[in-house]
Every structure is written in structure tokens, then in C-alpha cells.
Amino acid sequence: MKHYSLERKEVAVQKMMPPSNTPIATLTRHHRGNTLYNWRKQTNSRGLTVY
């Protein structure tokens, strides 16, 4: 399993949040899809809205 830095994770999550709302399908060019879905789920569980 590939590990990403916290900074890289935060940048990806920010891109999924308003006002950008970048779809995961677009972000998969730079990150694995499953990783992005997990990050989105973790962020949503903390009460932040990520699409």
C-alpha cells in the first residue's frame, strides 16, 4: 500500500471540498481512487462536507 504525506492528503481533500468540488474521477490521475474515497469518508465523519 502506498503512503501519501499528510500535506498531499490535505491538498486532495481540499480539492474535493467547495468551492472546487473536484470529482474523485478527476483526481485519480494523481492518487488511487480507493485512497481518495477513504479520505473523503474520513473527512465526512469529522463533520466536514466533501463531495
C-alpha atoms as a PDB file:
ATOM      1  CA  MET A   1       0.000   0.000   0.000  1.00  0.00           C
ATOM      2  CA  LYS A   2       1.355   3.383  -0.987  1.00  0.00           C
ATOM      3  CA  HIS A   3       1.583   6.049   1.717  1.00  0.00           C
ATOM      4  CA  TYR A   4       0.977   9.701   0.961  1.00  0.00           C
ATOM      5  CA  SER A   5       2.212  12.623   3.019  1.00  0.00           C
ATOM      6  CA  LEU A   6      -0.273  14.484   5.191  1.00  0.00           C
ATOM      7  CA  GLU A   7       0.268  17.571   3.038  1.00  0.00           C
ATOM      8  CA  ARG A   8      -0.627  15.694  -0.135  1.00  0.00           C
ATOM      9  CA  LYS A   9      -3.730  14.244   1.542  1.00  0.00           C
ATOM     10  CA  GLU A  10      -4.863  17.686   2.713  1.00  0.00           C
ATOM     11  CA  VAL A  11      -4.426  19.145  -0.777  1.00  0.00           C
ATOM     12  CA  ALA A  12      -6.522  16.360  -2.321  1.00  0.00           C
ATOM     13  CA  VAL A  13      -9.279  16.711   0.292  1.00  0.00           C
ATOM     14  CA  GLN A  14      -9.344  20.499  -0.196  1.00  0.00           C
ATOM     15  CA  LYS A  15      -9.900  19.941  -3.912  1.00  0.00           C
ATOM     16  CA  MET A  16     -12.921  17.738  -3.111  1.00  0.00           C
ATOM     17  CA  MET A  17     -14.460  20.459  -0.922  1.00  0.00           C
ATOM     18  CA  PRO A  18     -16.395  23.565  -2.003  1.00  0.00           C
ATOM     19  CA  PRO A  19     -15.867  25.719  -3.949  1.00  0.00           C
ATOM     20  CA  SER A  20     -13.843  23.354  -6.173  1.00  0.00           C
ATOM     21  CA  ASN A  21     -15.858  20.142  -5.673  1.00  0.00           C
ATOM     22  CA  THR A  22     -13.425  18.303  -7.942  1.00  0.00           C
ATOM     23  CA  PRO A  23     -14.762  14.788  -8.648  1.00  0.00           C
ATOM     24  CA  ILE A  24     -12.695  11.849  -7.437  1.00  0.00           C
ATOM     25  CA  ALA A  25     -12.629  10.568 -11.028  1.00  0.00           C
ATOM     26  CA  THR A  26     -10.633  13.668 -11.970  1.00  0.00           C
ATOM     27  CA  LEU A  27      -8.262  13.398  -9.004  1.00  0.00           C
ATOM     28  CA  THR A  28      -7.416   9.760  -9.719  1.00  0.00           C
ATOM     29  CA  ARG A  29      -4.808  10.960 -12.189  1.00  0.00           C
ATOM     30  CA  HIS A  30      -2.602  11.727  -9.183  1.00  0.00           C
ATOM     31  CA  HIS A  31      -3.977   9.426  -6.452  1.00  0.00           C
ATOM     32  CA  ARG A  32      -5.532   5.981  -6.243  1.00  0.00           C
ATOM     33  CA  GLY A  33      -9.338   6.015  -6.332  1.00  0.00           C
ATOM     34  CA  ASN A  34      -9.773   3.855  -3.215  1.00  0.00           C
ATOM     35  CA  THR A  35      -7.441   6.129  -1.278  1.00  0.00           C
ATOM     36  CA  LEU A  36      -9.465   9.195  -2.242  1.00  0.00           C
ATOM     37  CA  TYR A  37     -12.753   7.533  -1.259  1.00  0.00           C
ATOM     38  CA  ASN A  38     -11.263   6.630   2.137  1.00  0.00           C
ATOM     39  CA  TRP A  39     -10.012  10.187   2.681  1.00  0.00           C
ATOM     40  CA  ARG A  40     -13.440  11.550   1.750  1.00  0.00           C
ATOM     41  CA  LYS A  41     -15.149   9.141   4.170  1.00  0.00           C
ATOM     42  CA  GLN A  42     -12.747  10.095   6.997  1.00  0.00           C
ATOM     43  CA  THR A  43     -13.287  13.814   6.371  1.00  0.00           C
ATOM     44  CA  ASN A  44     -17.073  13.457   6.241  1.00  0.00           C
ATOM     45  CA  SER A  45     -17.030  11.516   9.518  1.00  0.00           C
ATOM     46  CA  ARG A  46     -15.338  14.539  11.152  1.00  0.00           C
ATOM     47  CA  GLY A  47     -18.313  16.683  10.149  1.00  0.00           C
ATOM     48  CA  LEU A  48     -16.797  18.367   7.089  1.00  0.00           C
ATOM     49  CA  THR A  49     -18.660  18.081   3.800  1.00  0.00           C
ATOM     50  CA  VAL A  50     -16.644  16.584   0.983  1.00  0.00           C
ATOM     51  CA  TYR A  51     -18.215  15.573  -2.329  1.00  0.00           C
END
